[in-house]
ModelCIF file with pLDDT and N, C-alpha, C, O atoms, coordinates in Angstrom:
data_MODEL
#
_entry.id   MODEL 
#
_entity.id                         1 
_entity.type                       polymer 
_entity.pdbx_number_of_molecules   1 
#
_entity_poly.entity_id                      1 
_entity_poly.type                           'polypeptide(L)' 
_entity_poly.nstd_linkage                   no 
_entity_poly.nstd_monomer                   no 
_entity_poly.pdbx_seq_one_letter_code       SFTLPRAVGLAKACEMVLTGDMIDAAEAERIGLVNRVVPHDDLMKAAR 
_entity_poly.pdbx_seq_one_letter_code_can   SFTLPRAVGLAKACEMVLTGDMIDAAEAERIGLVNRVVPHDDLMKAAR 
_entity_poly.pdbx_strand_id                 A 
#
loop_
_entity_poly_seq.entity_id 
_entity_poly_seq.num 
_entity_poly_seq.mon_id 
_entity_poly_seq.hetero 
1 1  SER n 
1 2  PHE n 
1 3  THR n 
1 4  LEU n 
1 5  PRO n 
1 6  ARG n 
1 7  ALA n 
1 8  VAL n 
1 9  GLY n 
1 10 LEU n 
1 11 ALA n 
1 12 LYS n 
1 13 ALA n 
1 14 CYS n 
1 15 GLU n 
1 16 MET n 
1 17 VAL n 
1 18 LEU n 
1 19 THR n 
1 20 GLY n 
1 21 ASP n 
1 22 MET n 
1 23 ILE n 
1 24 ASP n 
1 25 ALA n 
1 26 ALA n 
1 27 GLU n 
1 28 ALA n 
1 29 GLU n 
1 30 ARG n 
1 31 ILE n 
1 32 GLY n 
1 33 LEU n 
1 34 VAL n 
1 35 ASN n 
1 36 ARG n 
1 37 VAL n 
1 38 VAL n 
1 39 PRO n 
1 40 HIS n 
1 41 ASP n 
1 42 ASP n 
1 43 LEU n 
1 44 MET n 
1 45 LYS n 
1 46 ALA n 
1 47 ALA n 
1 48 ARG n 
#
_struct_asym.id          A 
_struct_asym.entity_id   1 
#
loop_
_ma_qa_metric.id 
_ma_qa_metric.mode 
_ma_qa_metric.name 
_ma_qa_metric.software_group_id 
_ma_qa_metric.type 
1 global pLDDT . pLDDT 
2 local  pLDDT . pLDDT 
#
_ma_qa_metric_global.metric_id      1 
_ma_qa_metric_global.metric_value   97.40 
_ma_qa_metric_global.model_id       1 
_ma_qa_metric_global.ordinal_id     1 
#
loop_
_ma_qa_metric_local.label_asym_id 
_ma_qa_metric_local.label_comp_id 
_ma_qa_metric_local.label_seq_id 
_ma_qa_metric_local.metric_id 
_ma_qa_metric_local.metric_value 
_ma_qa_metric_local.model_id 
_ma_qa_metric_local.ordinal_id 
A SER 1  2 96.00 1 1  
A PHE 2  2 96.00 1 2  
A THR 3  2 97.00 1 3  
A LEU 4  2 97.00 1 4  
A PRO 5  2 97.00 1 5  
A ARG 6  2 96.00 1 6  
A ALA 7  2 96.00 1 7  
A VAL 8  2 97.00 1 8  
A GLY 9  2 96.00 1 9  
A LEU 10 2 97.00 1 10 
A ALA 11 2 97.00 1 11 
A LYS 12 2 97.00 1 12 
A ALA 13 2 98.00 1 13 
A CYS 14 2 98.00 1 14 
A GLU 15 2 97.00 1 15 
A MET 16 2 97.00 1 16 
A VAL 17 2 97.00 1 17 
A LEU 18 2 97.00 1 18 
A THR 19 2 97.00 1 19 
A GLY 20 2 96.00 1 20 
A ASP 21 2 97.00 1 21 
A MET 22 2 97.00 1 22 
A ILE 23 2 98.00 1 23 
A ASP 24 2 98.00 1 24 
A ALA 25 2 98.00 1 25 
A ALA 26 2 98.00 1 26 
A GLU 27 2 98.00 1 27 
A ALA 28 2 98.00 1 28 
A GLU 29 2 98.00 1 29 
A ARG 30 2 98.00 1 30 
A ILE 31 2 98.00 1 31 
A GLY 32 2 97.00 1 32 
A LEU 33 2 98.00 1 33 
A VAL 34 2 98.00 1 34 
A ASN 35 2 98.00 1 35 
A ARG 36 2 97.00 1 36 
A VAL 37 2 98.00 1 37 
A VAL 38 2 98.00 1 38 
A PRO 39 2 98.00 1 39 
A HIS 40 2 98.00 1 40 
A ASP 41 2 97.00 1 41 
A ASP 42 2 98.00 1 42 
A LEU 43 2 98.00 1 43 
A MET 44 2 98.00 1 44 
A LYS 45 2 98.00 1 45 
A ALA 46 2 98.00 1 46 
A ALA 47 2 98.00 1 47 
A ARG 48 2 98.00 1 48 
#
loop_
_atom_site.group_PDB 
_atom_site.id 
_atom_site.type_symbol 
_atom_site.label_atom_id 
_atom_site.label_alt_id 
_atom_site.label_comp_id 
_atom_site.label_asym_id 
_atom_site.label_entity_id 
_atom_site.label_seq_id 
_atom_site.pdbx_PDB_ins_code 
_atom_site.Cartn_x 
_atom_site.Cartn_y 
_atom_site.Cartn_z 
_atom_site.occupancy 
_atom_site.B_iso_or_equiv 
_atom_site.pdbx_formal_charge 
_atom_site.auth_seq_id 
_atom_site.auth_comp_id 
_atom_site.auth_asym_id 
_atom_site.auth_atom_id 
_atom_site.pdbx_PDB_model_num 
ATOM 1   N N  . SER A 1 1  ? 0.827   -1.213  0.000   1.00 96.00 ? 1  SER A N  1 
ATOM 2   C CA . SER A 1 1  ? 0.000   0.000   0.000   1.00 96.00 ? 1  SER A CA 1 
ATOM 3   C C  . SER A 1 1  ? 0.860   1.261   0.000   1.00 96.00 ? 1  SER A C  1 
ATOM 4   O O  . SER A 1 1  ? 0.374   2.342   -0.331  1.00 96.00 ? 1  SER A O  1 
ATOM 5   N N  . PHE A 1 2  ? 2.124   1.129   0.366   1.00 96.00 ? 2  PHE A N  1 
ATOM 6   C CA . PHE A 1 2  ? 3.069   2.251   0.358   1.00 96.00 ? 2  PHE A CA 1 
ATOM 7   C C  . PHE A 1 2  ? 3.775   2.368   -0.994  1.00 96.00 ? 2  PHE A C  1 
ATOM 8   O O  . PHE A 1 2  ? 3.867   3.457   -1.561  1.00 96.00 ? 2  PHE A O  1 
ATOM 9   N N  . THR A 1 3  ? 4.273   1.232   -1.508  1.00 97.00 ? 3  THR A N  1 
ATOM 10  C CA . THR A 1 3  ? 5.108   1.268   -2.703  1.00 97.00 ? 3  THR A CA 1 
ATOM 11  C C  . THR A 1 3  ? 4.313   1.354   -4.002  1.00 97.00 ? 3  THR A C  1 
ATOM 12  O O  . THR A 1 3  ? 4.756   2.001   -4.950  1.00 97.00 ? 3  THR A O  1 
ATOM 13  N N  . LEU A 1 4  ? 3.147   0.712   -4.060  1.00 97.00 ? 4  LEU A N  1 
ATOM 14  C CA . LEU A 1 4  ? 2.401   0.699   -5.324  1.00 97.00 ? 4  LEU A CA 1 
ATOM 15  C C  . LEU A 1 4  ? 1.966   2.094   -5.769  1.00 97.00 ? 4  LEU A C  1 
ATOM 16  O O  . LEU A 1 4  ? 2.192   2.438   -6.929  1.00 97.00 ? 4  LEU A O  1 
ATOM 17  N N  . PRO A 1 5  ? 1.348   2.926   -4.903  1.00 97.00 ? 5  PRO A N  1 
ATOM 18  C CA . PRO A 1 5  ? 0.977   4.268   -5.364  1.00 97.00 ? 5  PRO A CA 1 
ATOM 19  C C  . PRO A 1 5  ? 2.166   5.106   -5.800  1.00 97.00 ? 5  PRO A C  1 
ATOM 20  O O  . PRO A 1 5  ? 2.036   5.960   -6.677  1.00 97.00 ? 5  PRO A O  1 
ATOM 21  N N  . ARG A 1 6  ? 3.309   4.875   -5.203  1.00 96.00 ? 6  ARG A N  1 
ATOM 22  C CA . ARG A 1 6  ? 4.502   5.621   -5.582  1.00 96.00 ? 6  ARG A CA 1 
ATOM 23  C C  . ARG A 1 6  ? 5.054   5.161   -6.929  1.00 96.00 ? 6  ARG A C  1 
ATOM 24  O O  . ARG A 1 6  ? 5.780   5.900   -7.594  1.00 96.00 ? 6  ARG A O  1 
ATOM 25  N N  . ALA A 1 7  ? 4.706   3.940   -7.326  1.00 96.00 ? 7  ALA A N  1 
ATOM 26  C CA . ALA A 1 7  ? 5.153   3.431   -8.619  1.00 96.00 ? 7  ALA A CA 1 
ATOM 27  C C  . ALA A 1 7  ? 4.203   3.794   -9.745  1.00 96.00 ? 7  ALA A C  1 
ATOM 28  O O  . ALA A 1 7  ? 4.645   4.161   -10.834 1.00 96.00 ? 7  ALA A O  1 
ATOM 29  N N  . VAL A 1 8  ? 2.903   3.696   -9.499  1.00 97.00 ? 8  VAL A N  1 
ATOM 30  C CA . VAL A 1 8  ? 1.929   3.840   -10.599 1.00 97.00 ? 8  VAL A CA 1 
ATOM 31  C C  . VAL A 1 8  ? 0.960   4.991   -10.401 1.00 97.00 ? 8  VAL A C  1 
ATOM 32  O O  . VAL A 1 8  ? 0.145   5.257   -11.285 1.00 97.00 ? 8  VAL A O  1 
ATOM 33  N N  . GLY A 1 9  ? 1.021   5.686   -9.268  1.00 96.00 ? 9  GLY A N  1 
ATOM 34  C CA . GLY A 1 9  ? 0.061   6.746   -8.981  1.00 96.00 ? 9  GLY A CA 1 
ATOM 35  C C  . GLY A 1 9  ? -1.108  6.204   -8.168  1.00 96.00 ? 9  GLY A C  1 
ATOM 36  O O  . GLY A 1 9  ? -1.403  5.010   -8.200  1.00 96.00 ? 9  GLY A O  1 
ATOM 37  N N  . LEU A 1 10 ? -1.770  7.102   -7.438  1.00 97.00 ? 10 LEU A N  1 
ATOM 38  C CA . LEU A 1 10 ? -2.817  6.680   -6.516  1.00 97.00 ? 10 LEU A CA 1 
ATOM 39  C C  . LEU A 1 10 ? -4.024  6.086   -7.230  1.00 97.00 ? 10 LEU A C  1 
ATOM 40  O O  . LEU A 1 10 ? -4.548  5.065   -6.785  1.00 97.00 ? 10 LEU A O  1 
ATOM 41  N N  . ALA A 1 11 ? -4.476  6.687   -8.313  1.00 97.00 ? 11 ALA A N  1 
ATOM 42  C CA . ALA A 1 11 ? -5.688  6.201   -8.979  1.00 97.00 ? 11 ALA A CA 1 
ATOM 43  C C  . ALA A 1 11 ? -5.502  4.788   -9.519  1.00 97.00 ? 11 ALA A C  1 
ATOM 44  O O  . ALA A 1 11 ? -6.373  3.935   -9.351  1.00 97.00 ? 11 ALA A O  1 
ATOM 45  N N  . LYS A 1 12 ? -4.364  4.542   -10.168 1.00 97.00 ? 12 LYS A N  1 
ATOM 46  C CA . LYS A 1 12 ? -4.128  3.206   -10.720 1.00 97.00 ? 12 LYS A CA 1 
ATOM 47  C C  . LYS A 1 12 ? -3.912  2.201   -9.597  1.00 97.00 ? 12 LYS A C  1 
ATOM 48  O O  . LYS A 1 12 ? -4.329  1.048   -9.700  1.00 97.00 ? 12 LYS A O  1 
ATOM 49  N N  . ALA A 1 13 ? -3.257  2.642   -8.519  1.00 98.00 ? 13 ALA A N  1 
ATOM 50  C CA . ALA A 1 13 ? -3.067  1.744   -7.378  1.00 98.00 ? 13 ALA A CA 1 
ATOM 51  C C  . ALA A 1 13 ? -4.413  1.360   -6.781  1.00 98.00 ? 13 ALA A C  1 
ATOM 52  O O  . ALA A 1 13 ? -4.619  0.203   -6.416  1.00 98.00 ? 13 ALA A O  1 
ATOM 53  N N  . CYS A 1 14 ? -5.330  2.317   -6.678  1.00 98.00 ? 14 CYS A N  1 
ATOM 54  C CA . CYS A 1 14 ? -6.671  2.011   -6.171  1.00 98.00 ? 14 CYS A CA 1 
ATOM 55  C C  . CYS A 1 14 ? -7.355  0.968   -7.050  1.00 98.00 ? 14 CYS A C  1 
ATOM 56  O O  . CYS A 1 14 ? -7.972  0.029   -6.547  1.00 98.00 ? 14 CYS A O  1 
ATOM 57  N N  . GLU A 1 15 ? -7.242  1.138   -8.352  1.00 97.00 ? 15 GLU A N  1 
ATOM 58  C CA . GLU A 1 15 ? -7.873  0.183   -9.264  1.00 97.00 ? 15 GLU A CA 1 
ATOM 59  C C  . GLU A 1 15 ? -7.289  -1.215  -9.081  1.00 97.00 ? 15 GLU A C  1 
ATOM 60  O O  . GLU A 1 15 ? -8.031  -2.195  -9.010  1.00 97.00 ? 15 GLU A O  1 
ATOM 61  N N  . MET A 1 16 ? -5.966  -1.308  -9.004  1.00 97.00 ? 16 MET A N  1 
ATOM 62  C CA . MET A 1 16 ? -5.331  -2.616  -8.869  1.00 97.00 ? 16 MET A CA 1 
ATOM 63  C C  . MET A 1 16 ? -5.658  -3.268  -7.537  1.00 97.00 ? 16 MET A C  1 
ATOM 64  O O  . MET A 1 16 ? -5.940  -4.466  -7.483  1.00 97.00 ? 16 MET A O  1 
ATOM 65  N N  . VAL A 1 17 ? -5.621  -2.485  -6.454  1.00 97.00 ? 17 VAL A N  1 
ATOM 66  C CA . VAL A 1 17 ? -5.841  -3.035  -5.118  1.00 97.00 ? 17 VAL A CA 1 
ATOM 67  C C  . VAL A 1 17 ? -7.309  -3.388  -4.893  1.00 97.00 ? 17 VAL A C  1 
ATOM 68  O O  . VAL A 1 17 ? -7.610  -4.430  -4.311  1.00 97.00 ? 17 VAL A O  1 
ATOM 69  N N  . LEU A 1 18 ? -8.218  -2.540  -5.345  1.00 97.00 ? 18 LEU A N  1 
ATOM 70  C CA . LEU A 1 18 ? -9.634  -2.743  -5.036  1.00 97.00 ? 18 LEU A CA 1 
ATOM 71  C C  . LEU A 1 18 ? -10.319 -3.752  -5.950  1.00 97.00 ? 18 LEU A C  1 
ATOM 72  O O  . LEU A 1 18 ? -11.363 -4.298  -5.594  1.00 97.00 ? 18 LEU A O  1 
ATOM 73  N N  . THR A 1 19 ? -9.743  -4.006  -7.125  1.00 97.00 ? 19 THR A N  1 
ATOM 74  C CA . THR A 1 19 ? -10.301 -5.045  -7.996  1.00 97.00 ? 19 THR A CA 1 
ATOM 75  C C  . THR A 1 19 ? -9.580  -6.372  -7.837  1.00 97.00 ? 19 THR A C  1 
ATOM 76  O O  . THR A 1 19 ? -10.193 -7.431  -7.972  1.00 97.00 ? 19 THR A O  1 
ATOM 77  N N  . GLY A 1 20 ? -8.270  -6.324  -7.547  1.00 96.00 ? 20 GLY A N  1 
ATOM 78  C CA . GLY A 1 20 ? -7.467  -7.540  -7.514  1.00 96.00 ? 20 GLY A CA 1 
ATOM 79  C C  . GLY A 1 20 ? -7.251  -8.143  -8.881  1.00 96.00 ? 20 GLY A C  1 
ATOM 80  O O  . GLY A 1 20 ? -6.803  -9.284  -8.990  1.00 96.00 ? 20 GLY A O  1 
ATOM 81  N N  . ASP A 1 21 ? -7.568  -7.385  -9.946  1.00 97.00 ? 21 ASP A N  1 
ATOM 82  C CA . ASP A 1 21 ? -7.465  -7.906  -11.306 1.00 97.00 ? 21 ASP A CA 1 
ATOM 83  C C  . ASP A 1 21 ? -6.019  -8.159  -11.712 1.00 97.00 ? 21 ASP A C  1 
ATOM 84  O O  . ASP A 1 21 ? -5.094  -7.550  -11.174 1.00 97.00 ? 21 ASP A O  1 
ATOM 85  N N  . MET A 1 22 ? -5.840  -9.049  -12.652 1.00 97.00 ? 22 MET A N  1 
ATOM 86  C CA . MET A 1 22 ? -4.535  -9.366  -13.221 1.00 97.00 ? 22 MET A CA 1 
ATOM 87  C C  . MET A 1 22 ? -4.261  -8.449  -14.406 1.00 97.00 ? 22 MET A C  1 
ATOM 88  O O  . MET A 1 22 ? -5.148  -8.217  -15.228 1.00 97.00 ? 22 MET A O  1 
ATOM 89  N N  . ILE A 1 23 ? -3.050  -7.930  -14.499 1.00 98.00 ? 23 ILE A N  1 
ATOM 90  C CA . ILE A 1 23 ? -2.658  -7.155  -15.673 1.00 98.00 ? 23 ILE A CA 1 
ATOM 91  C C  . ILE A 1 23 ? -1.460  -7.844  -16.322 1.00 98.00 ? 23 ILE A C  1 
ATOM 92  O O  . ILE A 1 23 ? -0.699  -8.543  -15.654 1.00 98.00 ? 23 ILE A O  1 
ATOM 93  N N  . ASP A 1 24 ? -1.300  -7.640  -17.635 1.00 98.00 ? 24 ASP A N  1 
ATOM 94  C CA . ASP A 1 24 ? -0.186  -8.284  -18.336 1.00 98.00 ? 24 ASP A CA 1 
ATOM 95  C C  . ASP A 1 24 ? 1.050   -7.402  -18.315 1.00 98.00 ? 24 ASP A C  1 
ATOM 96  O O  . ASP A 1 24 ? 1.026   -6.287  -17.793 1.00 98.00 ? 24 ASP A O  1 
ATOM 97  N N  . ALA A 1 25 ? 2.124   -7.914  -18.889 1.00 98.00 ? 25 ALA A N  1 
ATOM 98  C CA . ALA A 1 25 ? 3.409   -7.211  -18.840 1.00 98.00 ? 25 ALA A CA 1 
ATOM 99  C C  . ALA A 1 25 ? 3.362   -5.883  -19.588 1.00 98.00 ? 25 ALA A C  1 
ATOM 100 O O  . ALA A 1 25 ? 3.947   -4.895  -19.145 1.00 98.00 ? 25 ALA A O  1 
ATOM 101 N N  . ALA A 1 26 ? 2.667   -5.861  -20.718 1.00 98.00 ? 26 ALA A N  1 
ATOM 102 C CA . ALA A 1 26 ? 2.592   -4.622  -21.503 1.00 98.00 ? 26 ALA A CA 1 
ATOM 103 C C  . ALA A 1 26 ? 1.899   -3.525  -20.714 1.00 98.00 ? 26 ALA A C  1 
ATOM 104 O O  . ALA A 1 26 ? 2.343   -2.377  -20.731 1.00 98.00 ? 26 ALA A O  1 
ATOM 105 N N  . GLU A 1 27 ? 0.812   -3.863  -20.019 1.00 98.00 ? 27 GLU A N  1 
ATOM 106 C CA . GLU A 1 27 ? 0.113   -2.877  -19.205 1.00 98.00 ? 27 GLU A CA 1 
ATOM 107 C C  . GLU A 1 27 ? 0.976   -2.450  -18.027 1.00 98.00 ? 27 GLU A C  1 
ATOM 108 O O  . GLU A 1 27 ? 0.977   -1.279  -17.648 1.00 98.00 ? 27 GLU A O  1 
ATOM 109 N N  . ALA A 1 28 ? 1.706   -3.390  -17.450 1.00 98.00 ? 28 ALA A N  1 
ATOM 110 C CA . ALA A 1 28 ? 2.595   -3.052  -16.335 1.00 98.00 ? 28 ALA A CA 1 
ATOM 111 C C  . ALA A 1 28 ? 3.658   -2.048  -16.762 1.00 98.00 ? 28 ALA A C  1 
ATOM 112 O O  . ALA A 1 28 ? 4.000   -1.140  -16.004 1.00 98.00 ? 28 ALA A O  1 
ATOM 113 N N  . GLU A 1 29 ? 4.177   -2.210  -17.969 1.00 98.00 ? 29 GLU A N  1 
ATOM 114 C CA . GLU A 1 29 ? 5.154   -1.249  -18.481 1.00 98.00 ? 29 GLU A CA 1 
ATOM 115 C C  . GLU A 1 29 ? 4.493   0.093   -18.754 1.00 98.00 ? 29 GLU A C  1 
ATOM 116 O O  . GLU A 1 29 ? 5.073   1.140   -18.466 1.00 98.00 ? 29 GLU A O  1 
ATOM 117 N N  . ARG A 1 30 ? 3.297   0.074   -19.302 1.00 98.00 ? 30 ARG A N  1 
ATOM 118 C CA . ARG A 1 30 ? 2.600   1.322   -19.658 1.00 98.00 ? 30 ARG A CA 1 
ATOM 119 C C  . ARG A 1 30 ? 2.345   2.186   -18.429 1.00 98.00 ? 30 ARG A C  1 
ATOM 120 O O  . ARG A 1 30 ? 2.470   3.409   -18.498 1.00 98.00 ? 30 ARG A O  1 
ATOM 121 N N  . ILE A 1 31 ? 1.991   1.568   -17.308 1.00 98.00 ? 31 ILE A N  1 
ATOM 122 C CA . ILE A 1 31 ? 1.654   2.342   -16.112 1.00 98.00 ? 31 ILE A CA 1 
ATOM 123 C C  . ILE A 1 31 ? 2.868   2.607   -15.214 1.00 98.00 ? 31 ILE A C  1 
ATOM 124 O O  . ILE A 1 31 ? 2.745   3.274   -14.187 1.00 98.00 ? 31 ILE A O  1 
ATOM 125 N N  . GLY A 1 32 ? 4.029   2.091   -15.596 1.00 97.00 ? 32 GLY A N  1 
ATOM 126 C CA . GLY A 1 32 ? 5.234   2.348   -14.818 1.00 97.00 ? 32 GLY A CA 1 
ATOM 127 C C  . GLY A 1 32 ? 5.492   1.366   -13.694 1.00 97.00 ? 32 GLY A C  1 
ATOM 128 O O  . GLY A 1 32 ? 6.349   1.612   -12.845 1.00 97.00 ? 32 GLY A O  1 
ATOM 129 N N  . LEU A 1 33 ? 4.764   0.255   -13.672 1.00 98.00 ? 33 LEU A N  1 
ATOM 130 C CA . LEU A 1 33 ? 4.993   -0.762  -12.657 1.00 98.00 ? 33 LEU A CA 1 
ATOM 131 C C  . LEU A 1 33 ? 6.335   -1.445  -12.877 1.00 98.00 ? 33 LEU A C  1 
ATOM 132 O O  . LEU A 1 33 ? 7.009   -1.811  -11.914 1.00 98.00 ? 33 LEU A O  1 
ATOM 133 N N  . VAL A 1 34 ? 6.729   -1.620  -14.139 1.00 98.00 ? 34 VAL A N  1 
ATOM 134 C CA . VAL A 1 34 ? 8.039   -2.184  -14.474 1.00 98.00 ? 34 VAL A CA 1 
ATOM 135 C C  . VAL A 1 34 ? 8.782   -1.207  -15.377 1.00 98.00 ? 34 VAL A C  1 
ATOM 136 O O  . VAL A 1 34 ? 8.175   -0.412  -16.095 1.00 98.00 ? 34 VAL A O  1 
ATOM 137 N N  . ASN A 1 35 ? 10.105  -1.285  -15.325 1.00 98.00 ? 35 ASN A N  1 
ATOM 138 C CA . ASN A 1 35 ? 10.922  -0.387  -16.149 1.00 98.00 ? 35 ASN A CA 1 
ATOM 139 C C  . ASN A 1 35 ? 10.820  -0.725  -17.625 1.00 98.00 ? 35 ASN A C  1 
ATOM 140 O O  . ASN A 1 35 ? 10.715  0.157   -18.478 1.00 98.00 ? 35 ASN A O  1 
ATOM 141 N N  . ARG A 1 36 ? 10.852  -2.035  -17.911 1.00 97.00 ? 36 ARG A N  1 
ATOM 142 C CA . ARG A 1 36 ? 10.725  -2.458  -19.301 1.00 97.00 ? 36 ARG A CA 1 
ATOM 143 C C  . ARG A 1 36 ? 10.370  -3.935  -19.379 1.00 97.00 ? 36 ARG A C  1 
ATOM 144 O O  . ARG A 1 36 ? 10.519  -4.683  -18.413 1.00 97.00 ? 36 ARG A O  1 
ATOM 145 N N  . VAL A 1 37 ? 9.896   -4.334  -20.555 1.00 98.00 ? 37 VAL A N  1 
ATOM 146 C CA . VAL A 1 37 ? 9.527   -5.720  -20.835 1.00 98.00 ? 37 VAL A CA 1 
ATOM 147 C C  . VAL A 1 37 ? 10.457  -6.240  -21.919 1.00 98.00 ? 37 VAL A C  1 
ATOM 148 O O  . VAL A 1 37 ? 10.734  -5.550  -22.900 1.00 98.00 ? 37 VAL A O  1 
ATOM 149 N N  . VAL A 1 38 ? 10.933  -7.459  -21.731 1.00 98.00 ? 38 VAL A N  1 
ATOM 150 C CA . VAL A 1 38 ? 11.827  -8.081  -22.709 1.00 98.00 ? 38 VAL A CA 1 
ATOM 151 C C  . VAL A 1 38 ? 11.284  -9.464  -23.061 1.00 98.00 ? 38 VAL A C  1 
ATOM 152 O O  . VAL A 1 38 ? 10.513  -10.036 -22.291 1.00 98.00 ? 38 VAL A O  1 
ATOM 153 N N  . PRO A 1 39 ? 11.676  -10.011 -24.217 1.00 98.00 ? 39 PRO A N  1 
ATOM 154 C CA . PRO A 1 39 ? 11.276  -11.383 -24.528 1.00 98.00 ? 39 PRO A CA 1 
ATOM 155 C C  . PRO A 1 39 ? 11.704  -12.334 -23.412 1.00 98.00 ? 39 PRO A C  1 
ATOM 156 O O  . PRO A 1 39 ? 12.772  -12.170 -22.821 1.00 98.00 ? 39 PRO A O  1 
ATOM 157 N N  . HIS A 1 40 ? 10.866  -13.325 -23.131 1.00 98.00 ? 40 HIS A N  1 
ATOM 158 C CA . HIS A 1 40 ? 11.098  -14.204 -21.985 1.00 98.00 ? 40 HIS A CA 1 
ATOM 159 C C  . HIS A 1 40 ? 12.508  -14.793 -21.975 1.00 98.00 ? 40 HIS A C  1 
ATOM 160 O O  . HIS A 1 40 ? 13.157  -14.823 -20.930 1.00 98.00 ? 40 HIS A O  1 
ATOM 161 N N  . ASP A 1 41 ? 12.979  -15.255 -23.113 1.00 97.00 ? 41 ASP A N  1 
ATOM 162 C CA . ASP A 1 41 ? 14.292  -15.907 -23.177 1.00 97.00 ? 41 ASP A CA 1 
ATOM 163 C C  . ASP A 1 41 ? 15.451  -14.941 -22.947 1.00 97.00 ? 41 ASP A C  1 
ATOM 164 O O  . ASP A 1 41 ? 16.580  -15.367 -22.700 1.00 97.00 ? 41 ASP A O  1 
ATOM 165 N N  . ASP A 1 42 ? 15.170  -13.639 -23.028 1.00 98.00 ? 42 ASP A N  1 
ATOM 166 C CA . ASP A 1 42 ? 16.221  -12.633 -22.844 1.00 98.00 ? 42 ASP A CA 1 
ATOM 167 C C  . ASP A 1 42 ? 16.220  -12.028 -21.447 1.00 98.00 ? 42 ASP A C  1 
ATOM 168 O O  . ASP A 1 42 ? 17.026  -11.145 -21.153 1.00 98.00 ? 42 ASP A O  1 
ATOM 169 N N  . LEU A 1 43 ? 15.318  -12.497 -20.577 1.00 98.00 ? 43 LEU A N  1 
ATOM 170 C CA . LEU A 1 43 ? 15.131  -11.834 -19.289 1.00 98.00 ? 43 LEU A CA 1 
ATOM 171 C C  . LEU A 1 43 ? 16.402  -11.804 -18.448 1.00 98.00 ? 43 LEU A C  1 
ATOM 172 O O  . LEU A 1 43 ? 16.838  -10.728 -18.036 1.00 98.00 ? 43 LEU A O  1 
ATOM 173 N N  . MET A 1 44 ? 16.999  -12.949 -18.187 1.00 98.00 ? 44 MET A N  1 
ATOM 174 C CA . MET A 1 44 ? 18.157  -12.975 -17.301 1.00 98.00 ? 44 MET A CA 1 
ATOM 175 C C  . MET A 1 44 ? 19.366  -12.308 -17.945 1.00 98.00 ? 44 MET A C  1 
ATOM 176 O O  . MET A 1 44 ? 20.189  -11.719 -17.245 1.00 98.00 ? 44 MET A O  1 
ATOM 177 N N  . LYS A 1 45 ? 19.484  -12.390 -19.257 1.00 98.00 ? 45 LYS A N  1 
ATOM 178 C CA . LYS A 1 45 ? 20.557  -11.689 -19.952 1.00 98.00 ? 45 LYS A CA 1 
ATOM 179 C C  . LYS A 1 45 ? 20.429  -10.186 -19.725 1.00 98.00 ? 45 LYS A C  1 
ATOM 180 O O  . LYS A 1 45 ? 21.415  -9.513  -19.427 1.00 98.00 ? 45 LYS A O  1 
ATOM 181 N N  . ALA A 1 46 ? 19.205  -9.660  -19.868 1.00 98.00 ? 46 ALA A N  1 
ATOM 182 C CA . ALA A 1 46 ? 18.976  -8.230  -19.674 1.00 98.00 ? 46 ALA A CA 1 
ATOM 183 C C  . ALA A 1 46 ? 19.238  -7.823  -18.233 1.00 98.00 ? 46 ALA A C  1 
ATOM 184 O O  . ALA A 1 46 ? 19.828  -6.772  -17.982 1.00 98.00 ? 46 ALA A O  1 
ATOM 185 N N  . ALA A 1 47 ? 18.803  -8.652  -17.280 1.00 98.00 ? 47 ALA A N  1 
ATOM 186 C CA . ALA A 1 47 ? 19.008  -8.335  -15.867 1.00 98.00 ? 47 ALA A CA 1 
ATOM 187 C C  . ALA A 1 47 ? 20.490  -8.358  -15.517 1.00 98.00 ? 47 ALA A C  1 
ATOM 188 O O  . ALA A 1 47 ? 20.978  -7.477  -14.808 1.00 98.00 ? 47 ALA A O  1 
ATOM 189 N N  . ARG A 1 48 ? 21.205  -9.365  -16.013 1.00 98.00 ? 48 ARG A N  1 
ATOM 190 C CA . ARG A 1 48 ? 22.638  -9.449  -15.737 1.00 98.00 ? 48 ARG A CA 1 
ATOM 191 C C  . ARG A 1 48 ? 23.385  -8.265  -16.332 1.00 98.00 ? 48 ARG A C  1 
ATOM 192 O O  . ARG A 1 48 ? 24.605  -8.173  -16.195 1.00 98.00 ? 48 ARG A O  1 
#
């Protein structure tokens, strides 16, 4: 409840918390939940 609004903003955090809905990686990137999305096979390479 502390970190999510700071990542995506209060309104989007309310939507995610109060619905409990699942969002995909593209939406997570769009709202700023993740820095970026990479192809699955490239994930650890990108992180390293």
